[in-house]
Amino acid sequence: MINAVIIDDEHYAAQALVMLIKKNCPDVTITAVCNNAKEAVKVIRELQPQLVFLDIEMPYLNGFELLEILAPVSFECIFTTSYDQYAIKAIRFSALDYLLKPVDAEDLKAAVNRVTGKRSPSLEKQMELLLSRFQQPQSAVNRIALPTLDGLQIIPVDTILYCSSSSNYTIFNLVEDQKLIISRTLKEIEEMLEEYRFLRVHHSYLVNLNEVRKYNRGEGGSLLMSNGATIDVSRSRKEMLLKKLQPGK
């Protein structure tokens, strides 16, 4: 059995999650429900849960600030949140799990299944990356956590040359001819990297503009990348690309 704690300042949301977990996640035992952050710190230190369902938007201390107090974090964490683009992006960047409120039963089961196996050896690094992103300007954090078929890899953003779509997966093409297959869609990756110099130039390609060496004219045209790869450009994305490549014009 997995011992879990729920932290949510909204009483009804917490109770709804308790019922969903009891109905859909038989391997999870809720050992405590906390409705404020101060109580949660004490409970987590006493009970040492294996899993915490953590609301992000709470008064006095939000979920990220609570994790800072508890660092180093020794438990798996599933965040719960109403839609908050910045928070979700930070969580995705760290390859951690989140659930949107109101919580869907299938999403809950999928998230629990992902985190209730063996404790991830990269958990500490994921939490460090998450908190660094929360504490600093977004562009100052230059690492991203990527769930691969073999586990989790944390890489510098500037080692990514371009990303290509493969159904529900994304292929990361990195420096020195390295490739990673990631279980995320290209749309998700695009949202994660949008504050860096990455641009979706085709429905199948997201490129690091710093690694573009030449634009070849054509209906949409194509890009020559620093590793010699040629990337097609969609006609609909050509104008935006040229603006990004020639910002002074």
C-alpha atoms as a PDB file:
ATOM      1  CA  MET A   1       0.000   0.000   0.000  1.00  0.00           C
ATOM      2  CA  ILE A   2       1.043   3.595  -0.674  1.00  0.00           C
ATOM      3  CA  ASN A   3       0.574   6.023   2.215  1.00  0.00           C
ATOM      4  CA  ALA A   4      -0.587   9.406   0.965  1.00  0.00           C
ATOM      5  CA  VAL A   5      -1.450  12.864   2.304  1.00  0.00           C
ATOM      6  CA  ILE A   6      -3.783  15.384   0.649  1.00  0.00           C
ATOM      7  CA  ILE A   7      -3.054  19.099   1.050  1.00  0.00           C
ATOM      8  CA  ASP A   8      -5.758  21.484  -0.166  1.00  0.00           C
ATOM      9  CA  ASP A   9      -7.193  24.583   1.493  1.00  0.00           C
ATOM     10  CA  GLU A  10     -10.567  23.940  -0.207  1.00  0.00           C
ATOM     11  CA  HIS A  11     -12.345  21.459   2.075  1.00  0.00           C
ATOM     12  CA  TYR A  12     -14.799  20.216  -0.563  1.00  0.00           C
ATOM     13  CA  ALA A  13     -12.063  19.756  -3.182  1.00  0.00           C
ATOM     14  CA  ALA A  14     -10.013  17.722  -0.699  1.00  0.00           C
ATOM     15  CA  GLN A  15     -12.963  15.511   0.216  1.00  0.00           C
ATOM     16  CA  ALA A  16     -13.855  14.983  -3.441  1.00  0.00           C
ATOM     17  CA  LEU A  17     -10.288  13.830  -4.080  1.00  0.00           C
ATOM     18  CA  VAL A  18     -10.474  11.449  -1.098  1.00  0.00           C
ATOM     19  CA  MET A  19     -13.585   9.821  -2.585  1.00  0.00           C
ATOM     20  CA  LEU A  20     -12.014   9.555  -6.043  1.00  0.00           C
ATOM     21  CA  ILE A  21      -8.888   7.918  -4.645  1.00  0.00           C
ATOM     22  CA  LYS A  22     -10.884   5.422  -2.568  1.00  0.00           C
ATOM     23  CA  LYS A  23     -12.939   4.475  -5.607  1.00  0.00           C
ATOM     24  CA  ASN A  24     -10.203   4.351  -8.237  1.00  0.00           C
ATOM     25  CA  CYS A  25      -6.851   3.775  -6.512  1.00  0.00           C
ATOM     26  CA  PRO A  26      -7.098   0.764  -4.168  1.00  0.00           C
ATOM     27  CA  ASP A  27      -3.339   0.719  -3.520  1.00  0.00           C
ATOM     28  CA  VAL A  28      -3.378   4.239  -2.056  1.00  0.00           C
ATOM     29  CA  THR A  29      -4.262   4.848   1.609  1.00  0.00           C
ATOM     30  CA  ILE A  30      -5.009   8.423   2.666  1.00  0.00           C
ATOM     31  CA  THR A  31      -3.374   8.875   6.069  1.00  0.00           C
ATOM     32  CA  ALA A  32      -4.173  12.584   6.490  1.00  0.00           C
ATOM     33  CA  VAL A  33      -5.969  15.521   4.877  1.00  0.00           C
ATOM     34  CA  CYS A  34      -4.591  19.003   5.576  1.00  0.00           C
ATOM     35  CA  ASN A  35      -6.443  22.223   4.823  1.00  0.00           C
ATOM     36  CA  ASN A  36      -3.573  24.621   5.526  1.00  0.00           C
ATOM     37  CA  ALA A  37       0.150  24.703   4.827  1.00  0.00           C
ATOM     38  CA  LYS A  38       1.289  25.108   8.435  1.00  0.00           C
ATOM     39  CA  GLU A  39      -0.545  21.934   9.445  1.00  0.00           C
ATOM     40  CA  ALA A  40       0.779  20.157   6.338  1.00  0.00           C
ATOM     41  CA  VAL A  41       4.430  20.775   7.266  1.00  0.00           C
ATOM     42  CA  LYS A  42       3.911  19.177  10.670  1.00  0.00           C
ATOM     43  CA  VAL A  43       1.898  16.232   9.307  1.00  0.00           C
ATOM     44  CA  ILE A  44       4.373  15.404   6.540  1.00  0.00           C
ATOM     45  CA  ARG A  45       7.337  15.508   8.902  1.00  0.00           C
ATOM     46  CA  GLU A  46       5.515  13.213  11.357  1.00  0.00           C
ATOM     47  CA  LEU A  47       3.919  10.722   8.939  1.00  0.00           C
ATOM     48  CA  GLN A  48       6.626  10.626   6.236  1.00  0.00           C
ATOM     49  CA  PRO A  49       4.143   9.802   3.431  1.00  0.00           C
ATOM     50  CA  GLN A  50       5.259   8.186   0.211  1.00  0.00           C
ATOM     51  CA  LEU A  51       2.920  10.341  -1.888  1.00  0.00           C
ATOM     52  CA  VAL A  52       1.496  13.847  -1.460  1.00  0.00           C
ATOM     53  CA  PHE A  53      -1.373  15.378  -3.428  1.00  0.00           C
ATOM     54  CA  LEU A  54      -0.482  19.062  -3.241  1.00  0.00           C
ATOM     55  CA  ASP A  55      -2.664  22.033  -4.145  1.00  0.00           C
ATOM     56  CA  ILE A  56      -0.646  24.852  -5.686  1.00  0.00           C
ATOM     57  CA  GLU A  57      -2.857  27.865  -4.971  1.00  0.00           C
ATOM     58  CA  MET A  58      -3.134  28.223  -1.186  1.00  0.00           C
ATOM     59  CA  PRO A  59      -3.098  31.293   1.091  1.00  0.00           C
ATOM     60  CA  TYR A  60       0.015  32.202   3.130  1.00  0.00           C
ATOM     61  CA  LEU A  61       2.127  29.468   1.506  1.00  0.00           C
ATOM     62  CA  ASN A  62       1.553  28.097  -1.989  1.00  0.00           C
ATOM     63  CA  GLY A  63       2.501  24.556  -2.935  1.00  0.00           C
ATOM     64  CA  PHE A  64       5.963  25.477  -4.213  1.00  0.00           C
ATOM     65  CA  GLU A  65       6.789  27.466  -1.072  1.00  0.00           C
ATOM     66  CA  LEU A  66       5.671  24.510   1.040  1.00  0.00           C
ATOM     67  CA  LEU A  67       8.096  22.258  -0.832  1.00  0.00           C
ATOM     68  CA  GLU A  68      10.908  24.744  -0.189  1.00  0.00           C
ATOM     69  CA  ILE A  69      10.303  24.427   3.545  1.00  0.00           C
ATOM     70  CA  LEU A  70      10.292  20.612   3.335  1.00  0.00           C
ATOM     71  CA  ALA A  71      13.363  20.344   1.089  1.00  0.00           C
ATOM     72  CA  PRO A  72      15.018  17.977   0.452  1.00  0.00           C
ATOM     73  CA  VAL A  73      11.767  16.306  -0.604  1.00  0.00           C
ATOM     74  CA  SER A  74      11.608  12.542  -0.023  1.00  0.00           C
ATOM     75  CA  PHE A  75       8.066  11.843  -1.261  1.00  0.00           C
ATOM     76  CA  GLU A  76       6.482  11.589  -4.683  1.00  0.00           C
ATOM     77  CA  CYS A  77       4.211  14.518  -5.463  1.00  0.00           C
ATOM     78  CA  ILE A  78       1.129  14.970  -7.638  1.00  0.00           C
ATOM     79  CA  PHE A  79       0.104  18.611  -7.890  1.00  0.00           C
ATOM     80  CA  THR A  80      -3.539  19.644  -8.073  1.00  0.00           C
ATOM     81  CA  THR A  81      -4.437  22.987  -9.581  1.00  0.00           C
ATOM     82  CA  SER A  82      -7.003  25.047 -11.379  1.00  0.00           C
ATOM     83  CA  TYR A  83      -5.561  26.153 -14.681  1.00  0.00           C
ATOM     84  CA  ASP A  84      -2.394  28.162 -14.004  1.00  0.00           C
ATOM     85  CA  GLN A  85      -0.226  28.369 -17.099  1.00  0.00           C
ATOM     86  CA  TYR A  86       2.991  29.337 -15.329  1.00  0.00           C
ATOM     87  CA  ALA A  87       2.644  26.683 -12.618  1.00  0.00           C
ATOM     88  CA  ILE A  88       1.799  23.965 -15.117  1.00  0.00           C
ATOM     89  CA  LYS A  89       4.747  24.921 -17.307  1.00  0.00           C
ATOM     90  CA  ALA A  90       7.099  24.739 -14.312  1.00  0.00           C
ATOM     91  CA  ILE A  91       5.746  21.307 -13.388  1.00  0.00           C
ATOM     92  CA  ARG A  92       6.047  20.008 -16.951  1.00  0.00           C
ATOM     93  CA  PHE A  93       9.585  21.388 -17.170  1.00  0.00           C
ATOM     94  CA  SER A  94      10.472  19.178 -14.200  1.00  0.00           C
ATOM     95  CA  ALA A  95       8.644  16.105 -15.600  1.00  0.00           C
ATOM     96  CA  LEU A  96       6.434  15.931 -12.511  1.00  0.00           C
ATOM     97  CA  ASP A  97       2.722  15.103 -12.455  1.00  0.00           C
ATOM     98  CA  TYR A  98      -0.276  17.384 -12.026  1.00  0.00           C
ATOM     99  CA  LEU A  99      -4.062  17.117 -12.082  1.00  0.00           C
ATOM    100  CA  LEU A 100      -6.429  19.870 -13.185  1.00  0.00           C
ATOM    101  CA  LYS A 101      -9.420  20.604 -10.974  1.00  0.00           C
ATOM    102  CA  PRO A 102     -12.058  19.261 -11.016  1.00  0.00           C
ATOM    103  CA  VAL A 103     -10.003  16.073 -11.023  1.00  0.00           C
ATOM    104  CA  ASP A 104     -10.909  13.478 -13.638  1.00  0.00           C
ATOM    105  CA  ALA A 105     -10.891   9.823 -12.485  1.00  0.00           C
ATOM    106  CA  GLU A 106      -8.924   8.552 -15.499  1.00  0.00           C
ATOM    107  CA  ASP A 107      -6.308  11.300 -15.152  1.00  0.00           C
ATOM    108  CA  LEU A 108      -6.023  10.441 -11.449  1.00  0.00           C
ATOM    109  CA  LYS A 109      -5.437   6.747 -12.124  1.00  0.00           C
ATOM    110  CA  ALA A 110      -2.841   7.515 -14.806  1.00  0.00           C
ATOM    111  CA  ALA A 111      -0.929   9.924 -12.529  1.00  0.00           C
ATOM    112  CA  VAL A 112      -0.983   7.507  -9.583  1.00  0.00           C
ATOM    113  CA  ASN A 113       0.212   4.649 -11.796  1.00  0.00           C
ATOM    114  CA  ARG A 114       3.159   6.755 -12.946  1.00  0.00           C
ATOM    115  CA  VAL A 115       4.380   7.630  -9.460  1.00  0.00           C
ATOM    116  CA  THR A 116       3.553   4.613  -7.305  1.00  0.00           C
ATOM    117  CA  GLY A 117       6.238   2.330  -8.681  1.00  0.00           C
ATOM    118  CA  LYS A 118       9.763   2.558  -7.384  1.00  0.00           C
ATOM    119  CA  ARG A 119      10.833   5.962  -6.118  1.00  0.00           C
ATOM    120  CA  SER A 120      12.451   7.802  -8.984  1.00  0.00           C
ATOM    121  CA  PRO A 121      16.226   8.109  -8.530  1.00  0.00           C
ATOM    122  CA  SER A 122      15.867  11.528 -10.190  1.00  0.00           C
ATOM    123  CA  LEU A 123      13.195  12.827  -7.784  1.00  0.00           C
ATOM    124  CA  GLU A 124      15.591  15.077  -5.878  1.00  0.00           C
ATOM    125  CA  LYS A 125      16.890  16.604  -9.117  1.00  0.00           C
ATOM    126  CA  GLN A 126      13.333  17.086 -10.409  1.00  0.00           C
ATOM    127  CA  MET A 127      12.330  18.919  -7.247  1.00  0.00           C
ATOM    128  CA  GLU A 128      15.497  21.020  -7.379  1.00  0.00           C
ATOM    129  CA  LEU A 129      14.708  21.960 -10.970  1.00  0.00           C
ATOM    130  CA  LEU A 130      11.102  22.814 -10.103  1.00  0.00           C
ATOM    131  CA  LEU A 131      12.060  25.049  -7.181  1.00  0.00           C
ATOM    132  CA  SER A 132      14.848  26.723  -9.158  1.00  0.00           C
ATOM    133  CA  ARG A 133      12.325  27.577 -11.838  1.00  0.00           C
ATOM    134  CA  PHE A 134       9.926  28.926  -9.230  1.00  0.00           C
ATOM    135  CA  GLN A 135      12.599  31.046  -7.516  1.00  0.00           C
ATOM    136  CA  GLN A 136      14.287  32.526 -10.602  1.00  0.00           C
ATOM    137  CA  PRO A 137      13.230  34.226 -13.835  1.00  0.00           C
ATOM    138  CA  GLN A 138      12.080  31.505 -16.198  1.00  0.00           C
ATOM    139  CA  SER A 139      14.819  31.995 -18.788  1.00  0.00           C
ATOM    140  CA  ALA A 140      17.502  31.765 -16.076  1.00  0.00           C
ATOM    141  CA  VAL A 141      16.763  28.061 -15.603  1.00  0.00           C
ATOM    142  CA  ASN A 142      18.550  26.360 -18.463  1.00  0.00           C
ATOM    143  CA  ARG A 143      17.752  22.703 -17.762  1.00  0.00           C
ATOM    144  CA  ILE A 144      14.749  20.574 -18.611  1.00  0.00           C
ATOM    145  CA  ALA A 145      13.700  17.140 -17.303  1.00  0.00           C
ATOM    146  CA  LEU A 146      12.684  14.692 -20.024  1.00  0.00           C
ATOM    147  CA  PRO A 147      10.912  11.342 -19.437  1.00  0.00           C
ATOM    148  CA  THR A 148      12.541   8.901 -21.863  1.00  0.00           C
ATOM    149  CA  LEU A 149      11.871   5.215 -22.492  1.00  0.00           C
ATOM    150  CA  ASP A 150      14.827   4.362 -20.223  1.00  0.00           C
ATOM    151  CA  GLY A 151      14.072   6.784 -17.385  1.00  0.00           C
ATOM    152  CA  LEU A 152      14.466  10.494 -16.774  1.00  0.00           C
ATOM    153  CA  GLN A 153      17.153  12.704 -18.270  1.00  0.00           C
ATOM    154  CA  ILE A 154      17.865  16.291 -17.270  1.00  0.00           C
ATOM    155  CA  ILE A 155      19.621  18.206 -20.028  1.00  0.00           C
ATOM    156  CA  PRO A 156      20.642  21.827 -20.776  1.00  0.00           C
ATOM    157  CA  VAL A 157      18.100  23.528 -23.048  1.00  0.00           C
ATOM    158  CA  ASP A 158      20.852  24.857 -25.311  1.00  0.00           C
ATOM    159  CA  THR A 159      21.925  21.318 -26.274  1.00  0.00           C
ATOM    160  CA  ILE A 160      18.612  20.877 -28.149  1.00  0.00           C
ATOM    161  CA  LEU A 161      18.971  21.494 -31.901  1.00  0.00           C
ATOM    162  CA  TYR A 162      15.413  20.685 -32.934  1.00  0.00           C
ATOM    163  CA  CYS A 163      12.480  18.467 -32.008  1.00  0.00           C
ATOM    164  CA  SER A 164      10.346  16.391 -34.359  1.00  0.00           C
ATOM    165  CA  SER A 165       6.904  14.879 -33.863  1.00  0.00           C
ATOM    166  CA  SER A 166       6.267  11.135 -33.870  1.00  0.00           C
ATOM    167  CA  SER A 167       2.591  10.591 -33.020  1.00  0.00           C
ATOM    168  CA  ASN A 168       2.271  11.066 -29.226  1.00  0.00           C
ATOM    169  CA  TYR A 169       6.052  11.123 -28.830  1.00  0.00           C
ATOM    170  CA  THR A 170       8.674  13.760 -29.559  1.00  0.00           C
ATOM    171  CA  ILE A 171      12.185  13.062 -30.829  1.00  0.00           C
ATOM    172  CA  PHE A 172      14.803  15.431 -29.408  1.00  0.00           C
ATOM    173  CA  ASN A 173      17.776  15.915 -31.723  1.00  0.00           C
ATOM    174  CA  LEU A 174      20.698  17.060 -29.599  1.00  0.00           C
ATOM    175  CA  VAL A 175      24.298  18.134 -30.128  1.00  0.00           C
ATOM    176  CA  GLU A 176      26.835  15.447 -31.011  1.00  0.00           C
ATOM    177  CA  ASP A 177      24.171  13.465 -32.923  1.00  0.00           C
ATOM    178  CA  GLN A 178      22.369  12.373 -29.765  1.00  0.00           C
ATOM    179  CA  LYS A 179      18.639  11.598 -29.882  1.00  0.00           C
ATOM    180  CA  LEU A 180      16.041  11.154 -27.135  1.00  0.00           C
ATOM    181  CA  ILE A 181      12.511   9.813 -27.553  1.00  0.00           C
ATOM    182  CA  ILE A 182      10.166  11.582 -25.115  1.00  0.00           C
ATOM    183  CA  SER A 183       6.646  10.551 -24.117  1.00  0.00           C
ATOM    184  CA  ARG A 184       5.244  14.053 -24.669  1.00  0.00           C
ATOM    185  CA  THR A 185       3.576  15.596 -27.709  1.00  0.00           C
ATOM    186  CA  LEU A 186       5.348  18.269 -29.719  1.00  0.00           C
ATOM    187  CA  LYS A 187       2.623  20.726 -28.649  1.00  0.00           C
ATOM    188  CA  GLU A 188       3.517  20.161 -24.978  1.00  0.00           C
ATOM    189  CA  ILE A 189       7.226  20.626 -25.722  1.00  0.00           C
ATOM    190  CA  GLU A 190       6.481  23.814 -27.669  1.00  0.00           C
ATOM    191  CA  GLU A 191       4.649  25.269 -24.652  1.00  0.00           C
ATOM    192  CA  MET A 192       7.499  24.321 -22.318  1.00  0.00           C
ATOM    193  CA  LEU A 193      10.169  25.965 -24.477  1.00  0.00           C
ATOM    194  CA  GLU A 194       8.301  29.020 -25.739  1.00  0.00           C
ATOM    195  CA  GLU A 195      10.224  31.558 -23.612  1.00  0.00           C
ATOM    196  CA  TYR A 196      13.488  30.297 -25.109  1.00  0.00           C
ATOM    197  CA  ARG A 197      14.464  30.829 -28.756  1.00  0.00           C
ATOM    198  CA  PHE A 198      12.445  27.914 -30.085  1.00  0.00           C
ATOM    199  CA  LEU A 199       9.878  28.199 -32.843  1.00  0.00           C
ATOM    200  CA  ARG A 200       7.390  25.776 -34.361  1.00  0.00           C
ATOM    201  CA  VAL A 201       8.201  26.077 -38.087  1.00  0.00           C
ATOM    202  CA  HIS A 202       6.135  23.101 -39.247  1.00  0.00           C
ATOM    203  CA  HIS A 203       3.472  20.854 -37.713  1.00  0.00           C
ATOM    204  CA  SER A 204       6.256  18.266 -37.299  1.00  0.00           C
ATOM    205  CA  TYR A 205       9.201  20.457 -36.256  1.00  0.00           C
ATOM    206  CA  LEU A 206      10.216  22.765 -33.425  1.00  0.00           C
ATOM    207  CA  VAL A 207      13.641  24.362 -33.924  1.00  0.00           C
ATOM    208  CA  ASN A 208      16.221  26.142 -31.798  1.00  0.00           C
ATOM    209  CA  LEU A 209      16.673  29.400 -33.709  1.00  0.00           C
ATOM    210  CA  ASN A 210      20.196  29.762 -32.323  1.00  0.00           C
ATOM    211  CA  GLU A 211      21.133  26.630 -34.274  1.00  0.00           C
ATOM    212  CA  VAL A 212      19.779  27.788 -37.658  1.00  0.00           C
ATOM    213  CA  ARG A 213      22.591  28.352 -40.146  1.00  0.00           C
ATOM    214  CA  LYS A 214      20.649  29.198 -43.321  1.00  0.00           C
ATOM    215  CA  TYR A 215      17.133  29.794 -44.607  1.00  0.00           C
ATOM    216  CA  ASN A 216      16.509  28.462 -48.118  1.00  0.00           C
ATOM    217  CA  ARG A 217      13.740  30.231 -50.021  1.00  0.00           C
ATOM    218  CA  GLY A 218      10.751  28.368 -51.390  1.00  0.00           C
ATOM    219  CA  GLU A 219       6.970  28.148 -50.983  1.00  0.00           C
ATOM    220  CA  GLY A 220       7.574  27.637 -47.299  1.00  0.00           C
ATOM    221  CA  GLY A 221      11.281  27.192 -47.591  1.00  0.00           C
ATOM    222  CA  SER A 222      13.609  25.132 -45.456  1.00  0.00           C
ATOM    223  CA  LEU A 223      16.219  25.572 -42.757  1.00  0.00           C
ATOM    224  CA  LEU A 224      19.781  24.308 -42.643  1.00  0.00           C
ATOM    225  CA  MET A 225      20.620  23.449 -39.034  1.00  0.00           C
ATOM    226  CA  SER A 226      24.043  23.481 -37.392  1.00  0.00           C
ATOM    227  CA  ASN A 227      24.298  19.677 -37.628  1.00  0.00           C
ATOM    228  CA  GLY A 228      23.596  19.704 -41.389  1.00  0.00           C
ATOM    229  CA  ALA A 229      19.944  18.634 -41.090  1.00  0.00           C
ATOM    230  CA  THR A 230      17.378  20.232 -43.396  1.00  0.00           C
ATOM    231  CA  ILE A 231      14.032  21.174 -41.810  1.00  0.00           C
ATOM    232  CA  ASP A 232      10.949  22.009 -43.884  1.00  0.00           C
ATOM    233  CA  VAL A 233       9.087  25.236 -43.111  1.00  0.00           C
ATOM    234  CA  SER A 234       5.303  25.435 -43.481  1.00  0.00           C
ATOM    235  CA  ARG A 235       4.029  28.224 -45.729  1.00  0.00           C
ATOM    236  CA  SER A 236       1.773  29.419 -42.885  1.00  0.00           C
ATOM    237  CA  ARG A 237       4.745  29.761 -40.512  1.00  0.00           C
ATOM    238  CA  LYS A 238       7.196  31.348 -42.929  1.00  0.00           C
ATOM    239  CA  GLU A 239       6.374  34.978 -42.070  1.00  0.00           C
ATOM    240  CA  MET A 240       6.769  34.450 -38.326  1.00  0.00           C
ATOM    241  CA  LEU A 241      10.058  32.628 -38.881  1.00  0.00           C
ATOM    242  CA  LEU A 242      11.526  35.437 -40.967  1.00  0.00           C
ATOM    243  CA  LYS A 243      10.505  37.995 -38.326  1.00  0.00           C
ATOM    244  CA  LYS A 244      12.276  35.957 -35.662  1.00  0.00           C
ATOM    245  CA  LEU A 245      15.401  35.547 -37.799  1.00  0.00           C
ATOM    246  CA  GLN A 246      15.472  39.275 -38.720  1.00  0.00           C
ATOM    247  CA  PRO A 247      14.210  41.012 -35.565  1.00  0.00           C
ATOM    248  CA  GLY A 248      15.460  44.459 -36.667  1.00  0.00           C
ATOM    249  CA  LYS A 249      13.409  44.511 -39.854  1.00  0.00           C
END
